[in-house]
Amino acid sequence: AGQACDFAAAVCRFYVDFYEKNHGFRALALHDPIAALVCAGRDIDARFIEGVAVVGGPLGDERLLLESGTGTRALSHCDPELAAEALTAALEQPLPR
């Protein structure tokens, strides 16, 4: 579990440092691991909304937004405890060789 824990710690540091550099506060928003759990079919009580994707916000702080319509499906909810359990279980597995 040592290698997996080291990898997870490095990923978390990267995210926290990114948020501090770009937004002025330290935060951990694990978008990519949650997306991976959804793609892998893990049960995290994922719920979705649909709309038209547009980019909005001031330069340097742009965000992807959904406006009324169809074409883009976005995750709107997941159960944080189920996601944490699934992510922890994945990190406890041996790394692929």
C-alpha atoms as a PDB file:
ATOM      1  CA  ALA A   1       0.000   0.000   0.000  1.00  0.00           C
ATOM      2  CA  GLY A   2       3.035   2.288   0.338  1.00  0.00           C
ATOM      3  CA  GLN A   3       3.336   3.115  -3.380  1.00  0.00           C
ATOM      4  CA  ALA A   4      -0.403   3.731  -3.703  1.00  0.00           C
ATOM      5  CA  CYS A   5      -0.401   5.990  -0.649  1.00  0.00           C
ATOM      6  CA  ASP A   6       2.585   7.941  -1.977  1.00  0.00           C
ATOM      7  CA  PHE A   7       0.826   8.345  -5.333  1.00  0.00           C
ATOM      8  CA  ALA A   8      -2.413   9.485  -3.674  1.00  0.00           C
ATOM      9  CA  ALA A   9      -0.507  11.989  -1.529  1.00  0.00           C
ATOM     10  CA  ALA A  10       1.242  13.406  -4.614  1.00  0.00           C
ATOM     11  CA  VAL A  11      -2.073  13.773  -6.458  1.00  0.00           C
ATOM     12  CA  CYS A  12      -3.671  15.514  -3.473  1.00  0.00           C
ATOM     13  CA  ARG A  13      -0.703  17.899  -3.083  1.00  0.00           C
ATOM     14  CA  PHE A  14      -0.933  18.762  -6.789  1.00  0.00           C
ATOM     15  CA  TYR A  15      -4.635  19.654  -6.511  1.00  0.00           C
ATOM     16  CA  VAL A  16      -4.281  21.625  -3.278  1.00  0.00           C
ATOM     17  CA  ASP A  17      -1.296  23.569  -4.659  1.00  0.00           C
ATOM     18  CA  PHE A  18      -3.186  24.260  -7.907  1.00  0.00           C
ATOM     19  CA  TYR A  19      -6.186  25.727  -6.085  1.00  0.00           C
ATOM     20  CA  GLU A  20      -3.959  27.882  -3.898  1.00  0.00           C
ATOM     21  CA  LYS A  21      -1.977  29.210  -6.881  1.00  0.00           C
ATOM     22  CA  ASN A  22      -5.019  29.871  -9.067  1.00  0.00           C
ATOM     23  CA  HIS A  23      -7.737  30.789  -6.569  1.00  0.00           C
ATOM     24  CA  GLY A  24      -5.904  31.968  -3.449  1.00  0.00           C
ATOM     25  CA  PHE A  25      -7.124  29.202  -1.146  1.00  0.00           C
ATOM     26  CA  ARG A  26      -6.169  25.615  -0.469  1.00  0.00           C
ATOM     27  CA  ALA A  27      -8.867  23.112  -1.428  1.00  0.00           C
ATOM     28  CA  LEU A  28      -9.149  19.549  -2.613  1.00  0.00           C
ATOM     29  CA  ALA A  29     -11.744  19.028  -5.332  1.00  0.00           C
ATOM     30  CA  LEU A  30     -11.221  15.559  -6.727  1.00  0.00           C
ATOM     31  CA  HIS A  31     -13.037  15.905 -10.045  1.00  0.00           C
ATOM     32  CA  ASP A  32     -10.883  13.420 -11.929  1.00  0.00           C
ATOM     33  CA  PRO A  33     -11.102  10.520  -9.443  1.00  0.00           C
ATOM     34  CA  ILE A  34     -14.880  10.951  -9.172  1.00  0.00           C
ATOM     35  CA  ALA A  35     -15.162  10.958 -12.984  1.00  0.00           C
ATOM     36  CA  ALA A  36     -13.022   7.799 -13.071  1.00  0.00           C
ATOM     37  CA  LEU A  37     -15.316   6.118 -10.529  1.00  0.00           C
ATOM     38  CA  VAL A  38     -18.360   6.975 -12.663  1.00  0.00           C
ATOM     39  CA  CYS A  39     -16.647   5.702 -15.837  1.00  0.00           C
ATOM     40  CA  ALA A  40     -15.646   2.501 -14.057  1.00  0.00           C
ATOM     41  CA  GLY A  41     -19.272   1.896 -13.103  1.00  0.00           C
ATOM     42  CA  ARG A  42     -18.750   2.168  -9.341  1.00  0.00           C
ATOM     43  CA  ASP A  43     -21.935   2.785  -7.365  1.00  0.00           C
ATOM     44  CA  ILE A  44     -21.533   6.287  -5.906  1.00  0.00           C
ATOM     45  CA  ASP A  45     -25.187   7.338  -6.397  1.00  0.00           C
ATOM     46  CA  ALA A  46     -24.201   9.415  -9.435  1.00  0.00           C
ATOM     47  CA  ARG A  47     -26.888  11.762 -10.777  1.00  0.00           C
ATOM     48  CA  PHE A  48     -26.658  13.861 -13.914  1.00  0.00           C
ATOM     49  CA  ILE A  49     -28.095  16.985 -15.519  1.00  0.00           C
ATOM     50  CA  GLU A  50     -28.109  17.869 -19.197  1.00  0.00           C
ATOM     51  CA  GLY A  51     -27.614  21.171 -20.965  1.00  0.00           C
ATOM     52  CA  VAL A  52     -25.557  23.108 -23.487  1.00  0.00           C
ATOM     53  CA  ALA A  53     -21.931  23.613 -22.429  1.00  0.00           C
ATOM     54  CA  VAL A  54     -20.674  27.229 -22.500  1.00  0.00           C
ATOM     55  CA  VAL A  55     -17.568  28.858 -21.067  1.00  0.00           C
ATOM     56  CA  GLY A  56     -18.192  31.828 -18.776  1.00  0.00           C
ATOM     57  CA  GLY A  57     -16.484  33.873 -16.115  1.00  0.00           C
ATOM     58  CA  PRO A  58     -13.707  36.435 -16.053  1.00  0.00           C
ATOM     59  CA  LEU A  59     -10.469  35.801 -17.959  1.00  0.00           C
ATOM     60  CA  GLY A  60      -8.245  33.516 -15.940  1.00  0.00           C
ATOM     61  CA  ASP A  61     -11.144  32.187 -13.872  1.00  0.00           C
ATOM     62  CA  GLU A  62     -13.282  30.670 -16.620  1.00  0.00           C
ATOM     63  CA  ARG A  63     -15.717  27.908 -15.817  1.00  0.00           C
ATOM     64  CA  LEU A  64     -17.691  25.460 -17.879  1.00  0.00           C
ATOM     65  CA  LEU A  65     -21.396  26.199 -17.387  1.00  0.00           C
ATOM     66  CA  LEU A  66     -24.557  24.461 -18.561  1.00  0.00           C
ATOM     67  CA  GLU A  67     -27.342  26.476 -20.121  1.00  0.00           C
ATOM     68  CA  SER A  68     -30.805  25.193 -20.963  1.00  0.00           C
ATOM     69  CA  GLY A  69     -30.795  22.650 -23.747  1.00  0.00           C
ATOM     70  CA  THR A  70     -29.273  19.284 -24.522  1.00  0.00           C
ATOM     71  CA  GLY A  71     -25.981  17.908 -25.699  1.00  0.00           C
ATOM     72  CA  THR A  72     -23.792  17.753 -22.587  1.00  0.00           C
ATOM     73  CA  ARG A  73     -24.378  15.512 -19.595  1.00  0.00           C
ATOM     74  CA  ALA A  74     -22.766  16.633 -16.325  1.00  0.00           C
ATOM     75  CA  LEU A  75     -22.507  15.005 -12.930  1.00  0.00           C
ATOM     76  CA  SER A  76     -24.674  16.953 -10.490  1.00  0.00           C
ATOM     77  CA  HIS A  77     -24.466  14.711  -7.418  1.00  0.00           C
ATOM     78  CA  CYS A  78     -22.644  11.800  -5.910  1.00  0.00           C
ATOM     79  CA  ASP A  79     -22.706  10.362  -2.422  1.00  0.00           C
ATOM     80  CA  PRO A  80     -19.449  11.526  -0.790  1.00  0.00           C
ATOM     81  CA  GLU A  81     -19.245   8.517   1.541  1.00  0.00           C
ATOM     82  CA  LEU A  82     -19.731   6.016  -1.300  1.00  0.00           C
ATOM     83  CA  ALA A  83     -17.169   7.918  -3.400  1.00  0.00           C
ATOM     84  CA  ALA A  84     -14.648   7.963  -0.531  1.00  0.00           C
ATOM     85  CA  GLU A  85     -15.144   4.238   0.082  1.00  0.00           C
ATOM     86  CA  ALA A  86     -14.733   3.406  -3.609  1.00  0.00           C
ATOM     87  CA  LEU A  87     -11.643   5.609  -3.950  1.00  0.00           C
ATOM     88  CA  THR A  88     -10.081   4.164  -0.802  1.00  0.00           C
ATOM     89  CA  ALA A  89     -10.779   0.620  -2.004  1.00  0.00           C
ATOM     90  CA  ALA A  90      -9.153   1.435  -5.359  1.00  0.00           C
ATOM     91  CA  LEU A  91      -6.069   2.875  -3.646  1.00  0.00           C
ATOM     92  CA  GLU A  92      -5.727  -0.244  -1.514  1.00  0.00           C
ATOM     93  CA  GLN A  93      -5.327  -2.405  -4.628  1.00  0.00           C
ATOM     94  CA  PRO A  94      -1.835  -3.168  -5.981  1.00  0.00           C
ATOM     95  CA  LEU A  95      -0.674  -0.836  -8.744  1.00  0.00           C
ATOM     96  CA  PRO A  96      -0.851  -2.336 -12.254  1.00  0.00           C
ATOM     97  CA  ARG A  97       2.460  -3.690 -13.542  1.00  0.00           C
END
